[in-house]
Amino acid sequence: MSMSIFRRPDYTSEATQFIEQLKQQKPSLEAEQLAGRALLWDKSVDRSAQAEFREGRVAQKPYVYQTGNK
């Protein structure tokens, strides 16, 4: 097996090293992240309710602070 004379040693940034060390110290970290994501983001959408919300929207004036025509 020949190795290139121009090959550099593998580089890992300080941020990557920190994350890898954190994962070693706390193996349950990824499972906790997925649980948090499921809690806040992974929701089923009620399509009929969304349609009703869209139908009930009121158009906004171009300048919202204007109280009326003078």
N, C-alpha and C. Protein backbone atom coordinates (compact mmCIF):
# COMPACT_ATOMS: atom_id res chain seq x y z
N MET A 1 0.85 -1.18 0.00
CA MET A 1 0.00 0.00 0.00
C MET A 1 0.89 1.23 0.00
N SER A 2 0.76 2.06 -1.01
CA SER A 2 1.57 3.27 -1.07
C SER A 2 0.75 4.45 -0.56
N MET A 3 1.43 5.35 0.09
CA MET A 3 0.76 6.51 0.65
C MET A 3 1.31 7.75 -0.06
N SER A 4 0.44 8.67 -0.34
CA SER A 4 0.85 9.89 -1.03
C SER A 4 1.70 10.74 -0.08
N ILE A 5 2.72 11.35 -0.63
CA ILE A 5 3.55 12.20 0.22
C ILE A 5 2.86 13.53 0.52
N PHE A 6 1.79 13.83 -0.20
CA PHE A 6 1.06 15.08 0.01
C PHE A 6 -0.12 14.93 0.96
N ARG A 7 -0.38 13.72 1.43
CA ARG A 7 -1.52 13.48 2.32
C ARG A 7 -1.27 14.13 3.67
N ARG A 8 -2.29 14.84 4.12
CA ARG A 8 -2.23 15.47 5.44
C ARG A 8 -2.88 14.54 6.46
N PRO A 9 -2.54 14.70 7.72
CA PRO A 9 -3.24 13.92 8.74
C PRO A 9 -4.70 14.37 8.81
N ASP A 10 -5.57 13.45 9.18
CA ASP A 10 -7.00 13.78 9.28
C ASP A 10 -7.21 14.89 10.29
N TYR A 11 -8.01 15.88 9.91
CA TYR A 11 -8.26 17.05 10.75
C TYR A 11 -9.68 16.99 11.30
N THR A 12 -9.82 17.27 12.58
CA THR A 12 -11.13 17.46 13.19
C THR A 12 -11.10 18.77 13.94
N SER A 13 -12.11 19.57 13.72
CA SER A 13 -12.18 20.89 14.34
C SER A 13 -12.44 20.76 15.84
N GLU A 14 -12.23 21.85 16.56
CA GLU A 14 -12.49 21.86 18.00
C GLU A 14 -13.96 21.61 18.29
N ALA A 15 -14.84 22.15 17.44
CA ALA A 15 -16.27 21.95 17.64
C ALA A 15 -16.63 20.47 17.49
N THR A 16 -16.07 19.81 16.48
CA THR A 16 -16.33 18.39 16.28
C THR A 16 -15.78 17.58 17.44
N GLN A 17 -14.61 17.92 17.90
CA GLN A 17 -14.03 17.22 19.05
C GLN A 17 -14.90 17.40 20.29
N PHE A 18 -15.41 18.60 20.49
CA PHE A 18 -16.29 18.87 21.64
C PHE A 18 -17.56 18.03 21.57
N ILE A 19 -18.18 17.97 20.39
CA ILE A 19 -19.42 17.21 20.24
C ILE A 19 -19.16 15.73 20.45
N GLU A 20 -18.07 15.21 19.89
CA GLU A 20 -17.75 13.80 20.08
C GLU A 20 -17.50 13.49 21.55
N GLN A 21 -16.80 14.38 22.25
CA GLN A 21 -16.54 14.19 23.67
C GLN A 21 -17.85 14.25 24.47
N LEU A 22 -18.73 15.15 24.11
CA LEU A 22 -20.02 15.27 24.79
C LEU A 22 -20.86 14.01 24.60
N LYS A 23 -20.84 13.46 23.38
CA LYS A 23 -21.58 12.23 23.11
C LYS A 23 -21.00 11.05 23.89
N GLN A 24 -19.69 11.03 24.09
CA GLN A 24 -19.07 9.96 24.88
C GLN A 24 -19.45 10.08 26.35
N GLN A 25 -19.50 11.32 26.85
CA GLN A 25 -19.84 11.53 28.25
C GLN A 25 -21.32 11.26 28.52
N LYS A 26 -22.16 11.54 27.54
CA LYS A 26 -23.61 11.39 27.72
C LYS A 26 -24.18 10.63 26.54
N PRO A 27 -24.15 9.30 26.58
CA PRO A 27 -24.61 8.49 25.44
C PRO A 27 -26.09 8.68 25.10
N SER A 28 -26.90 9.12 26.05
CA SER A 28 -28.34 9.29 25.79
C SER A 28 -28.67 10.62 25.13
N LEU A 29 -27.68 11.40 24.78
CA LEU A 29 -27.89 12.75 24.24
C LEU A 29 -28.72 12.73 22.95
N GLU A 30 -28.39 11.86 22.02
CA GLU A 30 -29.11 11.84 20.74
C GLU A 30 -30.57 11.44 20.93
N ALA A 31 -30.82 10.48 21.83
CA ALA A 31 -32.20 10.07 22.10
C ALA A 31 -32.98 11.22 22.73
N GLU A 32 -32.34 11.98 23.60
CA GLU A 32 -33.00 13.14 24.22
C GLU A 32 -33.30 14.22 23.18
N GLN A 33 -32.38 14.41 22.24
CA GLN A 33 -32.60 15.38 21.17
C GLN A 33 -33.80 14.98 20.31
N LEU A 34 -33.89 13.69 19.97
CA LEU A 34 -35.02 13.22 19.17
C LEU A 34 -36.33 13.36 19.93
N ALA A 35 -36.31 13.11 21.24
CA ALA A 35 -37.52 13.27 22.05
C ALA A 35 -37.94 14.73 22.09
N GLY A 36 -36.99 15.63 22.21
CA GLY A 36 -37.30 17.06 22.21
C GLY A 36 -37.85 17.52 20.87
N ARG A 37 -37.29 17.00 19.82
CA ARG A 37 -37.78 17.35 18.48
C ARG A 37 -39.22 16.85 18.30
N ALA A 38 -39.49 15.63 18.74
CA ALA A 38 -40.83 15.08 18.63
C ALA A 38 -41.82 15.90 19.44
N LEU A 39 -41.38 16.40 20.57
CA LEU A 39 -42.25 17.19 21.43
C LEU A 39 -42.64 18.51 20.77
N LEU A 40 -41.69 19.15 20.09
CA LEU A 40 -41.93 20.49 19.56
C LEU A 40 -42.26 20.53 18.07
N TRP A 41 -41.70 19.63 17.28
CA TRP A 41 -41.79 19.78 15.83
C TRP A 41 -42.56 18.70 15.12
N ASP A 42 -42.39 17.46 15.50
CA ASP A 42 -43.00 16.36 14.77
C ASP A 42 -44.45 16.18 15.19
N LYS A 43 -45.32 16.98 14.61
CA LYS A 43 -46.75 16.94 14.94
C LYS A 43 -47.54 16.55 13.70
N SER A 44 -48.66 15.87 13.91
CA SER A 44 -49.55 15.60 12.78
C SER A 44 -50.41 16.85 12.55
N VAL A 45 -50.67 17.14 11.30
CA VAL A 45 -51.40 18.36 10.94
C VAL A 45 -52.85 18.00 10.62
N ASP A 46 -53.78 18.75 11.22
CA ASP A 46 -55.21 18.58 10.93
C ASP A 46 -55.53 19.45 9.72
N ARG A 47 -55.64 18.84 8.56
CA ARG A 47 -55.82 19.58 7.30
C ARG A 47 -57.14 20.37 7.28
N SER A 48 -58.20 19.81 7.83
CA SER A 48 -59.48 20.52 7.81
C SER A 48 -59.42 21.77 8.70
N ALA A 49 -58.78 21.66 9.85
CA ALA A 49 -58.65 22.83 10.72
C ALA A 49 -57.80 23.90 10.05
N GLN A 50 -56.73 23.49 9.36
CA GLN A 50 -55.89 24.45 8.65
C GLN A 50 -56.68 25.18 7.57
N ALA A 51 -57.53 24.45 6.86
CA ALA A 51 -58.36 25.06 5.82
C ALA A 51 -59.32 26.08 6.43
N GLU A 52 -59.91 25.75 7.58
CA GLU A 52 -60.81 26.68 8.25
C GLU A 52 -60.07 27.94 8.71
N PHE A 53 -58.87 27.77 9.21
CA PHE A 53 -58.07 28.92 9.64
C PHE A 53 -57.78 29.84 8.46
N ARG A 54 -57.44 29.25 7.30
CA ARG A 54 -57.16 30.05 6.11
C ARG A 54 -58.40 30.80 5.64
N GLU A 55 -59.55 30.16 5.70
CA GLU A 55 -60.80 30.80 5.28
C GLU A 55 -61.18 31.94 6.21
N GLY A 56 -60.84 31.85 7.47
CA GLY A 56 -61.22 32.86 8.45
C GLY A 56 -60.27 34.04 8.55
N ARG A 57 -59.24 34.07 7.74
CA ARG A 57 -58.29 35.18 7.79
C ARG A 57 -58.94 36.48 7.35
N VAL A 58 -58.55 37.56 7.99
CA VAL A 58 -59.03 38.88 7.63
C VAL A 58 -57.88 39.61 6.96
N ALA A 59 -58.17 40.25 5.83
CA ALA A 59 -57.11 40.96 5.11
C ALA A 59 -56.58 42.11 5.94
N GLN A 60 -55.28 42.30 5.91
CA GLN A 60 -54.65 43.36 6.67
C GLN A 60 -54.50 44.60 5.80
N LYS A 61 -54.68 45.78 6.41
CA LYS A 61 -54.51 47.02 5.68
C LYS A 61 -53.03 47.20 5.31
N PRO A 62 -52.76 47.93 4.24
CA PRO A 62 -51.36 48.15 3.85
C PRO A 62 -50.56 48.86 4.94
N TYR A 63 -51.20 49.80 5.63
CA TYR A 63 -50.52 50.49 6.73
C TYR A 63 -51.35 50.22 7.97
N VAL A 64 -50.88 49.34 8.82
CA VAL A 64 -51.71 48.83 9.92
C VAL A 64 -52.00 49.88 11.00
N TYR A 65 -51.21 50.92 11.09
CA TYR A 65 -51.40 51.91 12.15
C TYR A 65 -52.37 53.03 11.76
N GLN A 66 -52.78 53.05 10.51
CA GLN A 66 -53.74 54.07 10.07
C GLN A 66 -55.11 53.72 10.60
N THR A 67 -55.75 54.68 11.28
CA THR A 67 -57.02 54.40 11.96
C THR A 67 -58.22 54.50 11.03
N GLY A 68 -58.17 55.32 10.03
CA GLY A 68 -59.30 55.44 9.12
C GLY A 68 -59.00 56.49 8.05
N ASN A 69 -59.92 56.66 7.11
CA ASN A 69 -59.74 57.67 6.05
C ASN A 69 -60.08 59.05 6.59
N LYS A 70 -59.25 60.01 6.34
CA LYS A 70 -59.49 61.38 6.80
C LYS A 70 -59.58 62.33 5.65
